[in-house]
Amino acid sequence: MGTSKPIDYSAAFLFEVPGSNSPLVLQELQIGGTGPDTIRSRVKTMKVGVCGTGRMGASIAERLIAVGHEVAVWNRDAAKTKPLVDAGAKAVASPAALVEGCDAVIVMLLNDAATEAVYRGANGLLKAKLAGKLVIDMSTIRPDTMVSVGQAAMRSGAAFVECPVGGSKVPAREGKLFGLVGGSEADVARAKPLLEQLCRRIEHVGPLGAGATLKLAVNLPLLVYWQALGESLTICKPLNLPPERLIDILSDTAGAPAAMKGRGAIIAKVLGGAPLGETAFGITAAKKDLATAVQFAASLHAELPVAKSALACFEQAEADGLGEADATTVSVHWTRRKPKS
């Protein structure tokens, strides 16, 4: 277990070795080129299925198409697969059909309920012939749910790896996600060549369930920060500083996360009255992640009082019609609340 940095495809030929369990075996050799076309010319084309084509699943599918894989997709709302089909993917009728038509399947689902339904439902993933297949689940769900579906898949003969990821749509399209991997050494080794096309950094942090646990831990402080930022902005209202200047000051402090570099300017614009920008990670999804962390902590007989308080604020923002807005919107939403009488 440990850190794996993505392969520099400008310095590698990729070829198969008979008898290897890995889809790709690498031999270093200095050559030129780093873009998708170069990667496509070096990497064995695989049949890869993407199960769940919401914001992140669709972006991952776009990346897989860009680097030359033969991609199939499934989503509960089939309309969400159309842009991917237009880009060259093949839509299939069920999760089971996705497995049976592919060498590897990447799963990216919203929550535990969707996971249980897609794995265990009629024509679900576990109803397929899984022997010899590779399943990589990138969903952010409870660790015990990940372990349960993963063990079921392995009992049916699949290699199963969890890899919840840090990053949003743009890093997903560029292959620059942060993968938090759990699983056996052998299964992770088999999945790694595919993960290296999707992630800038891969951390194998333990057995199945470890990746899901760490992903909840990674998301928690950032989501709490967006609510805390709203509270900071609220007490600054009497200063009447221009939003751009205020956000610039708050961003250049020890308390600001790295995410402010990319999101700060957008928050400032919305704070100044501009329309909501494009959603990278929605409030409904953020609320789900906070709720999952609180629930998982309770199963460990632990309490997360700050996360629980932030969760209530995200729930209120969703109830106020902002569920599809970016999670950062919760900061501005708090500043606009009517004071309690």
C-alpha atoms as a PDB file:
ATOM      1  CA  MET A   1       0.000   0.000   0.000  1.00  0.00           C
ATOM      2  CA  GLY A   2       1.116   3.567  -0.514  1.00  0.00           C
ATOM      3  CA  THR A   3       1.299   6.421  -2.942  1.00  0.00           C
ATOM      4  CA  SER A   4       1.288   5.920  -6.674  1.00  0.00           C
ATOM      5  CA  LYS A   5       2.037   8.815  -8.959  1.00  0.00           C
ATOM      6  CA  PRO A   6       0.486   8.708 -12.443  1.00  0.00           C
ATOM      7  CA  ILE A   7       2.637   7.383 -15.226  1.00  0.00           C
ATOM      8  CA  ASP A   8       4.300   9.935 -17.481  1.00  0.00           C
ATOM      9  CA  TYR A   9       3.135   8.650 -20.829  1.00  0.00           C
ATOM     10  CA  SER A  10       5.820  10.718 -22.549  1.00  0.00           C
ATOM     11  CA  ALA A  11       8.310   8.191 -21.206  1.00  0.00           C
ATOM     12  CA  ALA A  12       6.619   4.828 -21.571  1.00  0.00           C
ATOM     13  CA  PHE A  13       5.659   2.187 -24.089  1.00  0.00           C
ATOM     14  CA  LEU A  14       2.774  -0.009 -22.938  1.00  0.00           C
ATOM     15  CA  PHE A  15       2.360  -3.600 -23.980  1.00  0.00           C
ATOM     16  CA  GLU A  16       0.805  -6.834 -22.791  1.00  0.00           C
ATOM     17  CA  VAL A  17       2.705  -9.637 -21.143  1.00  0.00           C
ATOM     18  CA  PRO A  18       1.090 -13.066 -21.562  1.00  0.00           C
ATOM     19  CA  GLY A  19      -0.182 -14.410 -18.261  1.00  0.00           C
ATOM     20  CA  SER A  20      -0.185 -11.043 -16.505  1.00  0.00           C
ATOM     21  CA  ASN A  21      -3.241 -10.166 -14.413  1.00  0.00           C
ATOM     22  CA  SER A  22      -2.774  -6.502 -15.212  1.00  0.00           C
ATOM     23  CA  PRO A  23      -4.399  -5.014 -18.328  1.00  0.00           C
ATOM     24  CA  LEU A  24      -1.178  -3.113 -18.982  1.00  0.00           C
ATOM     25  CA  VAL A  25       2.492  -3.769 -18.284  1.00  0.00           C
ATOM     26  CA  LEU A  26       4.889  -0.892 -18.708  1.00  0.00           C
ATOM     27  CA  GLN A  27       8.430  -0.679 -20.055  1.00  0.00           C
ATOM     28  CA  GLU A  28      10.083   2.730 -19.752  1.00  0.00           C
ATOM     29  CA  LEU A  29      11.525   4.227 -22.912  1.00  0.00           C
ATOM     30  CA  GLN A  30      12.037   7.904 -23.671  1.00  0.00           C
ATOM     31  CA  ILE A  31       9.592   9.119 -26.301  1.00  0.00           C
ATOM     32  CA  GLY A  32       7.643  12.325 -26.825  1.00  0.00           C
ATOM     33  CA  GLY A  33       4.103  13.456 -26.180  1.00  0.00           C
ATOM     34  CA  THR A  34       1.792  13.700 -23.180  1.00  0.00           C
ATOM     35  CA  GLY A  35      -1.719  14.382 -24.503  1.00  0.00           C
ATOM     36  CA  PRO A  36      -4.689  12.046 -25.021  1.00  0.00           C
ATOM     37  CA  ASP A  37      -3.598  11.215 -28.569  1.00  0.00           C
ATOM     38  CA  THR A  38      -0.217  10.055 -27.315  1.00  0.00           C
ATOM     39  CA  ILE A  39      -1.829   8.040 -24.520  1.00  0.00           C
ATOM     40  CA  ARG A  40      -4.262   6.507 -27.002  1.00  0.00           C
ATOM     41  CA  SER A  41      -1.412   5.318 -29.197  1.00  0.00           C
ATOM     42  CA  ARG A  42       0.347   3.635 -26.265  1.00  0.00           C
ATOM     43  CA  VAL A  43      -2.443   2.083 -24.190  1.00  0.00           C
ATOM     44  CA  LYS A  44      -4.235  -1.161 -24.786  1.00  0.00           C
ATOM     45  CA  THR A  45      -7.820  -0.388 -25.730  1.00  0.00           C
ATOM     46  CA  MET A  46     -10.213  -1.866 -23.210  1.00  0.00           C
ATOM     47  CA  LYS A  47     -13.959  -2.216 -23.145  1.00  0.00           C
ATOM     48  CA  VAL A  48     -14.842  -0.077 -20.137  1.00  0.00           C
ATOM     49  CA  GLY A  49     -18.329   0.431 -18.765  1.00  0.00           C
ATOM     50  CA  VAL A  50     -19.395   3.461 -16.723  1.00  0.00           C
ATOM     51  CA  CYS A  51     -22.338   2.766 -14.420  1.00  0.00           C
ATOM     52  CA  GLY A  52     -23.922   6.084 -13.461  1.00  0.00           C
ATOM     53  CA  THR A  53     -23.496   9.120 -15.704  1.00  0.00           C
ATOM     54  CA  GLY A  54     -24.229  12.048 -13.435  1.00  0.00           C
ATOM     55  CA  ARG A  55     -21.761  14.944 -13.355  1.00  0.00           C
ATOM     56  CA  MET A  56     -18.764  12.875 -12.300  1.00  0.00           C
ATOM     57  CA  GLY A  57     -19.625   9.645 -14.082  1.00  0.00           C
ATOM     58  CA  ALA A  58     -20.124  11.487 -17.362  1.00  0.00           C
ATOM     59  CA  SER A  59     -16.819  13.343 -16.972  1.00  0.00           C
ATOM     60  CA  ILE A  60     -14.989  10.076 -16.278  1.00  0.00           C
ATOM     61  CA  ALA A  61     -16.596   8.529 -19.347  1.00  0.00           C
ATOM     62  CA  GLU A  62     -15.442  11.510 -21.432  1.00  0.00           C
ATOM     63  CA  ARG A  63     -11.897  10.948 -20.193  1.00  0.00           C
ATOM     64  CA  LEU A  64     -12.005   7.252 -21.063  1.00  0.00           C
ATOM     65  CA  ILE A  65     -13.252   8.050 -24.565  1.00  0.00           C
ATOM     66  CA  ALA A  66     -10.528  10.687 -24.976  1.00  0.00           C
ATOM     67  CA  VAL A  67      -7.731   8.239 -24.177  1.00  0.00           C
ATOM     68  CA  GLY A  68      -9.084   5.692 -26.627  1.00  0.00           C
ATOM     69  CA  HIS A  69     -11.109   3.110 -24.724  1.00  0.00           C
ATOM     70  CA  GLU A  70     -14.275   1.531 -26.078  1.00  0.00           C
ATOM     71  CA  VAL A  71     -16.819   2.913 -23.610  1.00  0.00           C
ATOM     72  CA  ALA A  72     -20.317   1.702 -22.749  1.00  0.00           C
ATOM     73  CA  VAL A  73     -22.619   3.574 -20.363  1.00  0.00           C
ATOM     74  CA  TRP A  74     -25.716   2.994 -18.276  1.00  0.00           C
ATOM     75  CA  ASN A  75     -27.787   5.403 -16.201  1.00  0.00           C
ATOM     76  CA  ARG A  76     -31.180   5.130 -14.527  1.00  0.00           C
ATOM     77  CA  ASP A  77     -32.248   8.198 -16.497  1.00  0.00           C
ATOM     78  CA  ALA A  78     -31.224   7.101 -19.980  1.00  0.00           C
ATOM     79  CA  ALA A  79     -31.468  10.677 -21.294  1.00  0.00           C
ATOM     80  CA  LYS A  80     -28.291  11.506 -19.366  1.00  0.00           C
ATOM     81  CA  THR A  81     -26.318   9.082 -21.527  1.00  0.00           C
ATOM     82  CA  LYS A  82     -27.170  10.834 -24.816  1.00  0.00           C
ATOM     83  CA  PRO A  83     -24.237  13.323 -24.847  1.00  0.00           C
ATOM     84  CA  LEU A  84     -21.867  10.425 -24.238  1.00  0.00           C
ATOM     85  CA  VAL A  85     -23.453   8.363 -26.996  1.00  0.00           C
ATOM     86  CA  ASP A  86     -23.031  11.354 -29.296  1.00  0.00           C
ATOM     87  CA  ALA A  87     -19.346  11.387 -28.268  1.00  0.00           C
ATOM     88  CA  GLY A  88     -18.890   7.735 -29.195  1.00  0.00           C
ATOM     89  CA  ALA A  89     -20.065   5.687 -26.201  1.00  0.00           C
ATOM     90  CA  LYS A  90     -22.570   2.852 -26.423  1.00  0.00           C
ATOM     91  CA  ALA A  91     -25.657   2.918 -24.191  1.00  0.00           C
ATOM     92  CA  VAL A  92     -26.813  -0.387 -22.700  1.00  0.00           C
ATOM     93  CA  ALA A  93     -30.096  -1.416 -21.139  1.00  0.00           C
ATOM     94  CA  SER A  94     -29.034  -2.495 -17.642  1.00  0.00           C
ATOM     95  CA  PRO A  95     -26.112  -2.698 -15.215  1.00  0.00           C
ATOM     96  CA  ALA A  96     -25.891  -6.436 -15.843  1.00  0.00           C
ATOM     97  CA  ALA A  97     -25.608  -5.855 -19.594  1.00  0.00           C
ATOM     98  CA  LEU A  98     -22.863  -3.314 -18.908  1.00  0.00           C
ATOM     99  CA  VAL A  99     -20.794  -5.890 -17.025  1.00  0.00           C
ATOM    100  CA  GLU A 100     -21.261  -8.621 -19.575  1.00  0.00           C
ATOM    101  CA  GLY A 101     -20.191  -6.391 -22.473  1.00  0.00           C
ATOM    102  CA  CYS A 102     -17.066  -4.933 -20.834  1.00  0.00           C
ATOM    103  CA  ASP A 103     -13.685  -5.927 -19.433  1.00  0.00           C
ATOM    104  CA  ALA A 104     -13.949  -3.420 -16.580  1.00  0.00           C
ATOM    105  CA  VAL A 105     -16.784  -1.403 -15.056  1.00  0.00           C
ATOM    106  CA  ILE A 106     -16.439   1.896 -13.198  1.00  0.00           C
ATOM    107  CA  VAL A 107     -19.323   2.618 -10.830  1.00  0.00           C
ATOM    108  CA  MET A 108     -20.176   6.203  -9.841  1.00  0.00           C
ATOM    109  CA  LEU A 109     -23.487   6.437  -7.984  1.00  0.00           C
ATOM    110  CA  LEU A 110     -25.048   9.130  -5.812  1.00  0.00           C
ATOM    111  CA  ASN A 111     -25.677   7.374  -2.517  1.00  0.00           C
ATOM    112  CA  ASP A 112     -26.085   4.129  -0.598  1.00  0.00           C
ATOM    113  CA  ALA A 113     -29.683   3.593  -1.706  1.00  0.00           C
ATOM    114  CA  ALA A 114     -28.713   3.894  -5.376  1.00  0.00           C
ATOM    115  CA  THR A 115     -25.764   1.568  -4.775  1.00  0.00           C
ATOM    116  CA  GLU A 116     -27.925  -1.142  -3.232  1.00  0.00           C
ATOM    117  CA  ALA A 117     -30.479  -0.859  -6.042  1.00  0.00           C
ATOM    118  CA  VAL A 118     -27.935  -0.922  -8.874  1.00  0.00           C
ATOM    119  CA  TYR A 119     -25.947  -3.829  -7.444  1.00  0.00           C
ATOM    120  CA  ARG A 120     -28.743  -5.993  -6.067  1.00  0.00           C
ATOM    121  CA  GLY A 121     -31.778  -5.063  -8.143  1.00  0.00           C
ATOM    122  CA  ALA A 122     -33.247  -6.910 -11.103  1.00  0.00           C
ATOM    123  CA  ASN A 123     -30.630  -6.899 -13.882  1.00  0.00           C
ATOM    124  CA  GLY A 124     -28.223  -5.332 -11.383  1.00  0.00           C
ATOM    125  CA  LEU A 125     -24.451  -5.653 -11.372  1.00  0.00           C
ATOM    126  CA  LEU A 126     -24.534  -8.716  -9.121  1.00  0.00           C
ATOM    127  CA  LYS A 127     -26.915 -10.477 -11.504  1.00  0.00           C
ATOM    128  CA  ALA A 128     -24.270 -10.439 -14.251  1.00  0.00           C
ATOM    129  CA  LYS A 129     -21.585 -13.027 -14.919  1.00  0.00           C
ATOM    130  CA  LEU A 130     -18.830 -11.339 -12.947  1.00  0.00           C
ATOM    131  CA  ALA A 131     -16.142 -14.007 -13.105  1.00  0.00           C
ATOM    132  CA  GLY A 132     -12.921 -12.448 -14.408  1.00  0.00           C
ATOM    133  CA  LYS A 133     -14.329  -8.922 -14.553  1.00  0.00           C
ATOM    134  CA  LEU A 134     -12.818  -5.838 -12.901  1.00  0.00           C
ATOM    135  CA  VAL A 135     -15.167  -3.566 -10.934  1.00  0.00           C
ATOM    136  CA  ILE A 136     -13.934  -0.180  -9.684  1.00  0.00           C
ATOM    137  CA  ASP A 137     -16.428   1.654  -7.480  1.00  0.00           C
ATOM    138  CA  MET A 138     -15.784   5.405  -7.217  1.00  0.00           C
ATOM    139  CA  SER A 139     -18.966   6.320  -5.332  1.00  0.00           C
ATOM    140  CA  THR A 140     -18.895   8.237  -2.047  1.00  0.00           C
ATOM    141  CA  ILE A 141     -20.917   5.959   0.220  1.00  0.00           C
ATOM    142  CA  ARG A 142     -20.771   4.388   3.679  1.00  0.00           C
ATOM    143  CA  PRO A 143     -17.750   2.119   4.155  1.00  0.00           C
ATOM    144  CA  ASP A 144     -19.935  -0.782   5.302  1.00  0.00           C
ATOM    145  CA  THR A 145     -22.018  -0.499   2.130  1.00  0.00           C
ATOM    146  CA  MET A 146     -18.849  -0.526   0.010  1.00  0.00           C
ATOM    147  CA  VAL A 147     -17.577  -3.618   1.820  1.00  0.00           C
ATOM    148  CA  SER A 148     -20.918  -5.398   1.442  1.00  0.00           C
ATOM    149  CA  VAL A 149     -21.305  -4.913  -2.318  1.00  0.00           C
ATOM    150  CA  GLY A 150     -17.592  -5.462  -2.903  1.00  0.00           C
ATOM    151  CA  GLN A 151     -17.541  -8.772  -1.087  1.00  0.00           C
ATOM    152  CA  ALA A 152     -20.650  -9.884  -2.978  1.00  0.00           C
ATOM    153  CA  ALA A 153     -18.955  -9.060  -6.285  1.00  0.00           C
ATOM    154  CA  MET A 154     -15.800 -10.917  -5.264  1.00  0.00           C
ATOM    155  CA  ARG A 155     -17.805 -13.991  -4.264  1.00  0.00           C
ATOM    156  CA  SER A 156     -19.053 -14.017  -7.848  1.00  0.00           C
ATOM    157  CA  GLY A 157     -15.490 -14.002  -9.163  1.00  0.00           C
ATOM    158  CA  ALA A 158     -14.852 -10.317  -9.825  1.00  0.00           C
ATOM    159  CA  ALA A 159     -11.778  -8.320  -8.901  1.00  0.00           C
ATOM    160  CA  PHE A 160     -13.171  -5.416  -6.872  1.00  0.00           C
ATOM    161  CA  VAL A 161     -11.497  -2.146  -5.957  1.00  0.00           C
ATOM    162  CA  GLU A 162     -12.977   0.954  -4.346  1.00  0.00           C
ATOM    163  CA  CYS A 163     -11.596   4.296  -5.467  1.00  0.00           C
ATOM    164  CA  PRO A 164     -13.634   7.263  -4.240  1.00  0.00           C
ATOM    165  CA  VAL A 165     -12.061  10.343  -5.754  1.00  0.00           C
ATOM    166  CA  GLY A 166     -11.260  13.906  -4.845  1.00  0.00           C
ATOM    167  CA  GLY A 167     -11.882  16.431  -7.590  1.00  0.00           C
ATOM    168  CA  SER A 168     -14.760  17.635  -9.714  1.00  0.00           C
ATOM    169  CA  LYS A 169     -15.753  17.594 -13.374  1.00  0.00           C
ATOM    170  CA  VAL A 170     -12.757  19.368 -14.882  1.00  0.00           C
ATOM    171  CA  PRO A 171     -10.106  17.244 -13.130  1.00  0.00           C
ATOM    172  CA  ALA A 172     -12.102  14.158 -14.092  1.00  0.00           C
ATOM    173  CA  ARG A 173     -12.014  15.108 -17.778  1.00  0.00           C
ATOM    174  CA  GLU A 174      -8.286  15.829 -17.535  1.00  0.00           C
ATOM    175  CA  GLY A 175      -7.348  12.653 -15.660  1.00  0.00           C
ATOM    176  CA  LYS A 176      -6.320  14.626 -12.556  1.00  0.00           C
ATOM    177  CA  LEU A 177      -8.461  13.147  -9.798  1.00  0.00           C
ATOM    178  CA  PHE A 178      -7.125  12.036  -6.402  1.00  0.00           C
ATOM    179  CA  GLY A 179      -7.920   8.353  -5.923  1.00  0.00           C
ATOM    180  CA  LEU A 180      -8.410   6.899  -2.428  1.00  0.00           C
ATOM    181  CA  VAL A 181      -8.116   3.180  -2.998  1.00  0.00           C
ATOM    182  CA  GLY A 182      -9.154   0.212  -0.902  1.00  0.00           C
ATOM    183  CA  GLY A 183      -8.830  -3.446  -1.805  1.00  0.00           C
ATOM    184  CA  SER A 184      -6.434  -6.342  -2.013  1.00  0.00           C
ATOM    185  CA  GLU A 185      -2.924  -5.838  -3.363  1.00  0.00           C
ATOM    186  CA  ALA A 186      -3.673  -8.081  -6.348  1.00  0.00           C
ATOM    187  CA  ASP A 187      -6.921  -6.360  -7.289  1.00  0.00           C
ATOM    188  CA  VAL A 188      -5.421  -2.892  -6.891  1.00  0.00           C
ATOM    189  CA  ALA A 189      -2.471  -3.886  -9.090  1.00  0.00           C
ATOM    190  CA  ARG A 190      -4.908  -5.007 -11.763  1.00  0.00           C
ATOM    191  CA  ALA A 191      -6.895  -1.759 -11.552  1.00  0.00           C
ATOM    192  CA  LYS A 192      -3.935   0.598 -11.328  1.00  0.00           C
ATOM    193  CA  PRO A 193      -3.206   1.066 -15.067  1.00  0.00           C
ATOM    194  CA  LEU A 194      -6.785   2.215 -15.621  1.00  0.00           C
ATOM    195  CA  LEU A 195      -6.773   4.371 -12.491  1.00  0.00           C
ATOM    196  CA  GLU A 196      -3.551   6.029 -13.629  1.00  0.00           C
ATOM    197  CA  GLN A 197      -5.393   7.346 -16.663  1.00  0.00           C
ATOM    198  CA  LEU A 198      -7.983   8.957 -14.395  1.00  0.00           C
ATOM    199  CA  CYS A 199      -5.986  10.128 -11.359  1.00  0.00           C
ATOM    200  CA  ARG A 200      -3.036  12.459 -10.767  1.00  0.00           C
ATOM    201  CA  ARG A 201      -2.412  10.690  -7.453  1.00  0.00           C
ATOM    202  CA  ILE A 202      -3.423   7.272  -6.174  1.00  0.00           C
ATOM    203  CA  GLU A 203      -3.294   6.314  -2.486  1.00  0.00           C
ATOM    204  CA  HIS A 204      -3.873   2.659  -1.578  1.00  0.00           C
ATOM    205  CA  VAL A 205      -4.949   3.258   2.024  1.00  0.00           C
ATOM    206  CA  GLY A 206      -5.998  -0.201   3.158  1.00  0.00           C
ATOM    207  CA  PRO A 207      -8.477  -3.022   2.613  1.00  0.00           C
ATOM    208  CA  LEU A 208     -11.945  -2.617   1.196  1.00  0.00           C
ATOM    209  CA  GLY A 209     -13.783   0.142   3.085  1.00  0.00           C
ATOM    210  CA  ALA A 210     -10.659   2.172   3.851  1.00  0.00           C
ATOM    211  CA  GLY A 211     -11.054   4.327   0.735  1.00  0.00           C
ATOM    212  CA  ALA A 212     -14.690   5.108   1.541  1.00  0.00           C
ATOM    213  CA  THR A 213     -13.749   6.058   5.097  1.00  0.00           C
ATOM    214  CA  LEU A 214     -10.982   8.412   4.013  1.00  0.00           C
ATOM    215  CA  LYS A 215     -13.189  10.020   1.351  1.00  0.00           C
ATOM    216  CA  LEU A 216     -15.739  10.991   4.009  1.00  0.00           C
ATOM    217  CA  ALA A 217     -12.888  12.420   6.081  1.00  0.00           C
ATOM    218  CA  VAL A 218     -11.571  14.395   3.094  1.00  0.00           C
ATOM    219  CA  ASN A 219     -14.926  15.961   2.224  1.00  0.00           C
ATOM    220  CA  LEU A 220     -16.008  16.836   5.756  1.00  0.00           C
ATOM    221  CA  PRO A 221     -13.737  19.828   6.546  1.00  0.00           C
ATOM    222  CA  LEU A 222     -14.217  21.427   3.128  1.00  0.00           C
ATOM    223  CA  LEU A 223     -18.002  21.284   3.352  1.00  0.00           C
ATOM    224  CA  VAL A 224     -17.893  22.663   6.880  1.00  0.00           C
ATOM    225  CA  TYR A 225     -15.671  25.465   5.556  1.00  0.00           C
ATOM    226  CA  TRP A 226     -18.249  26.623   2.983  1.00  0.00           C
ATOM    227  CA  GLN A 227     -20.765  27.118   5.793  1.00  0.00           C
ATOM    228  CA  ALA A 228     -18.133  28.769   8.013  1.00  0.00           C
ATOM    229  CA  LEU A 229     -17.279  31.121   5.150  1.00  0.00           C
ATOM    230  CA  GLY A 230     -20.927  32.175   4.979  1.00  0.00           C
ATOM    231  CA  GLU A 231     -20.795  33.005   8.660  1.00  0.00           C
ATOM    232  CA  SER A 232     -17.569  35.007   8.168  1.00  0.00           C
ATOM    233  CA  LEU A 233     -19.172  36.936   5.336  1.00  0.00           C
ATOM    234  CA  THR A 234     -22.207  37.631   7.502  1.00  0.00           C
ATOM    235  CA  ILE A 235     -20.242  39.385  10.231  1.00  0.00           C
ATOM    236  CA  CYS A 236     -18.384  41.390   7.544  1.00  0.00           C
ATOM    237  CA  LYS A 237     -21.576  42.846   6.047  1.00  0.00           C
ATOM    238  CA  PRO A 238     -21.367  46.111   8.062  1.00  0.00           C
ATOM    239  CA  LEU A 239     -17.957  46.810   6.460  1.00  0.00           C
ATOM    240  CA  ASN A 240     -19.529  47.256   2.999  1.00  0.00           C
ATOM    241  CA  LEU A 241     -16.372  46.027   1.302  1.00  0.00           C
ATOM    242  CA  PRO A 242     -16.651  45.083  -2.388  1.00  0.00           C
ATOM    243  CA  PRO A 243     -17.229  41.312  -2.638  1.00  0.00           C
ATOM    244  CA  GLU A 244     -14.110  40.770  -4.752  1.00  0.00           C
ATOM    245  CA  ARG A 245     -11.911  42.512  -2.202  1.00  0.00           C
ATOM    246  CA  LEU A 246     -13.468  40.748   0.768  1.00  0.00           C
ATOM    247  CA  ILE A 247     -13.071  37.308  -0.797  1.00  0.00           C
ATOM    248  CA  ASP A 248      -9.510  38.140  -1.833  1.00  0.00           C
ATOM    249  CA  ILE A 249      -8.644  39.021   1.770  1.00  0.00           C
ATOM    250  CA  LEU A 250     -10.316  35.922   3.231  1.00  0.00           C
ATOM    251  CA  SER A 251      -8.658  33.704   0.611  1.00  0.00           C
ATOM    252  CA  ASP A 252      -5.170  34.927   1.501  1.00  0.00           C
ATOM    253  CA  THR A 253      -5.216  33.599   5.046  1.00  0.00           C
ATOM    254  CA  ALA A 254      -4.219  30.428   6.864  1.00  0.00           C
ATOM    255  CA  GLY A 255      -7.856  29.444   7.277  1.00  0.00           C
ATOM    256  CA  ALA A 256      -8.663  29.253   3.563  1.00  0.00           C
ATOM    257  CA  PRO A 257      -8.588  25.858   1.800  1.00  0.00           C
ATOM    258  CA  ALA A 258      -6.898  25.301  -1.538  1.00  0.00           C
ATOM    259  CA  ALA A 259     -10.331  25.138  -3.148  1.00  0.00           C
ATOM    260  CA  MET A 260     -10.700  28.899  -2.671  1.00  0.00           C
ATOM    261  CA  LYS A 261      -8.142  29.430  -5.439  1.00  0.00           C
ATOM    262  CA  GLY A 262     -10.597  28.035  -7.944  1.00  0.00           C
ATOM    263  CA  ARG A 263     -13.911  28.944  -6.359  1.00  0.00           C
ATOM    264  CA  GLY A 264     -13.239  32.263  -4.609  1.00  0.00           C
ATOM    265  CA  ALA A 265     -13.805  34.466  -7.657  1.00  0.00           C
ATOM    266  CA  ILE A 266     -17.072  32.681  -8.425  1.00  0.00           C
ATOM    267  CA  ILE A 267     -18.295  33.132  -4.845  1.00  0.00           C
ATOM    268  CA  ALA A 268     -17.439  36.831  -5.052  1.00  0.00           C
ATOM    269  CA  LYS A 269     -19.476  37.260  -8.230  1.00  0.00           C
ATOM    270  CA  VAL A 270     -22.522  35.539  -6.767  1.00  0.00           C
ATOM    271  CA  LEU A 271     -22.106  37.526  -3.561  1.00  0.00           C
ATOM    272  CA  GLY A 272     -22.207  40.658  -5.719  1.00  0.00           C
ATOM    273  CA  GLY A 273     -25.481  39.621  -7.342  1.00  0.00           C
ATOM    274  CA  ALA A 274     -24.371  37.634 -10.406  1.00  0.00           C
ATOM    275  CA  PRO A 275     -26.365  34.539 -11.402  1.00  0.00           C
ATOM    276  CA  LEU A 276     -25.295  31.202  -9.976  1.00  0.00           C
ATOM    277  CA  GLY A 277     -22.440  29.727 -11.966  1.00  0.00           C
ATOM    278  CA  GLU A 278     -21.923  26.191 -13.245  1.00  0.00           C
ATOM    279  CA  THR A 279     -22.248  23.476 -10.630  1.00  0.00           C
ATOM    280  CA  ALA A 280     -19.135  21.406  -9.973  1.00  0.00           C
ATOM    281  CA  PHE A 281     -20.456  19.662  -6.852  1.00  0.00           C
ATOM    282  CA  GLY A 282     -24.083  20.245  -5.935  1.00  0.00           C
ATOM    283  CA  ILE A 283     -25.597  21.122  -2.574  1.00  0.00           C
ATOM    284  CA  THR A 284     -27.713  17.949  -2.583  1.00  0.00           C
ATOM    285  CA  ALA A 285     -24.606  15.810  -3.107  1.00  0.00           C
ATOM    286  CA  ALA A 286     -22.711  17.754  -0.437  1.00  0.00           C
ATOM    287  CA  LYS A 287     -25.590  17.308   2.001  1.00  0.00           C
ATOM    288  CA  LYS A 288     -25.534  13.592   1.297  1.00  0.00           C
ATOM    289  CA  ASP A 289     -21.805  13.369   2.031  1.00  0.00           C
ATOM    290  CA  LEU A 290     -22.162  15.220   5.340  1.00  0.00           C
ATOM    291  CA  ALA A 291     -25.131  13.054   6.329  1.00  0.00           C
ATOM    292  CA  THR A 292     -23.176   9.914   5.439  1.00  0.00           C
ATOM    293  CA  ALA A 293     -20.232  11.034   7.577  1.00  0.00           C
ATOM    294  CA  VAL A 294     -22.515  11.787  10.545  1.00  0.00           C
ATOM    295  CA  GLN A 295     -24.285   8.425  10.195  1.00  0.00           C
ATOM    296  CA  PHE A 296     -21.030   6.507   9.868  1.00  0.00           C
ATOM    297  CA  ALA A 297     -19.586   8.261  12.920  1.00  0.00           C
ATOM    298  CA  ALA A 298     -22.670   7.250  14.904  1.00  0.00           C
ATOM    299  CA  SER A 299     -22.014   3.618  13.959  1.00  0.00           C
ATOM    300  CA  LEU A 300     -18.580   4.056  15.564  1.00  0.00           C
ATOM    301  CA  HIS A 301     -20.196   5.607  18.689  1.00  0.00           C
ATOM    302  CA  ALA A 302     -18.558   8.911  17.761  1.00  0.00           C
ATOM    303  CA  GLU A 303     -20.066  12.382  17.439  1.00  0.00           C
ATOM    304  CA  LEU A 304     -19.476  15.052  14.782  1.00  0.00           C
ATOM    305  CA  PRO A 305     -21.183  18.139  16.256  1.00  0.00           C
ATOM    306  CA  VAL A 306     -19.717  20.676  13.819  1.00  0.00           C
ATOM    307  CA  ALA A 307     -20.478  18.496  10.794  1.00  0.00           C
ATOM    308  CA  LYS A 308     -23.996  17.907  12.107  1.00  0.00           C
ATOM    309  CA  SER A 309     -24.571  21.657  12.422  1.00  0.00           C
ATOM    310  CA  ALA A 310     -23.238  22.264   8.899  1.00  0.00           C
ATOM    311  CA  LEU A 311     -25.481  19.490   7.621  1.00  0.00           C
ATOM    312  CA  ALA A 312     -28.545  21.343   8.899  1.00  0.00           C
ATOM    313  CA  CYS A 313     -27.450  24.429   6.946  1.00  0.00           C
ATOM    314  CA  PHE A 314     -27.030  22.432   3.733  1.00  0.00           C
ATOM    315  CA  GLU A 315     -30.444  20.848   4.308  1.00  0.00           C
ATOM    316  CA  GLN A 316     -31.974  24.315   4.622  1.00  0.00           C
ATOM    317  CA  ALA A 317     -30.288  25.514   1.437  1.00  0.00           C
ATOM    318  CA  GLU A 318     -31.652  22.485  -0.398  1.00  0.00           C
ATOM    319  CA  ALA A 319     -35.134  23.125   1.032  1.00  0.00           C
ATOM    320  CA  ASP A 320     -34.859  26.694  -0.239  1.00  0.00           C
ATOM    321  CA  GLY A 321     -34.482  25.407  -3.810  1.00  0.00           C
ATOM    322  CA  LEU A 322     -30.695  25.341  -4.132  1.00  0.00           C
ATOM    323  CA  GLY A 323     -30.172  21.587  -4.336  1.00  0.00           C
ATOM    324  CA  GLU A 324     -28.649  21.713  -7.808  1.00  0.00           C
ATOM    325  CA  ALA A 325     -26.539  24.799  -7.099  1.00  0.00           C
ATOM    326  CA  ASP A 326     -22.830  24.428  -6.386  1.00  0.00           C
ATOM    327  CA  ALA A 327     -21.951  23.587  -2.782  1.00  0.00           C
ATOM    328  CA  THR A 328     -20.133  26.915  -2.453  1.00  0.00           C
ATOM    329  CA  THR A 329     -23.499  28.645  -2.828  1.00  0.00           C
ATOM    330  CA  VAL A 330     -24.283  27.721   0.763  1.00  0.00           C
ATOM    331  CA  SER A 331     -21.852  30.491   1.781  1.00  0.00           C
ATOM    332  CA  VAL A 332     -23.796  33.218  -0.041  1.00  0.00           C
ATOM    333  CA  HIS A 333     -27.139  31.715   0.959  1.00  0.00           C
ATOM    334  CA  TRP A 334     -26.258  32.130   4.625  1.00  0.00           C
ATOM    335  CA  THR A 335     -25.543  35.833   4.195  1.00  0.00           C
ATOM    336  CA  ARG A 336     -29.011  36.343   2.728  1.00  0.00           C
ATOM    337  CA  ARG A 337     -30.978  34.647   5.473  1.00  0.00           C
ATOM    338  CA  LYS A 338     -33.588  36.735   7.169  1.00  0.00           C
ATOM    339  CA  PRO A 339     -32.707  37.205  10.822  1.00  0.00           C
ATOM    340  CA  LYS A 340     -34.919  35.435  13.316  1.00  0.00           C
ATOM    341  CA  SER A 341     -37.317  37.765  15.079  1.00  0.00           C
END
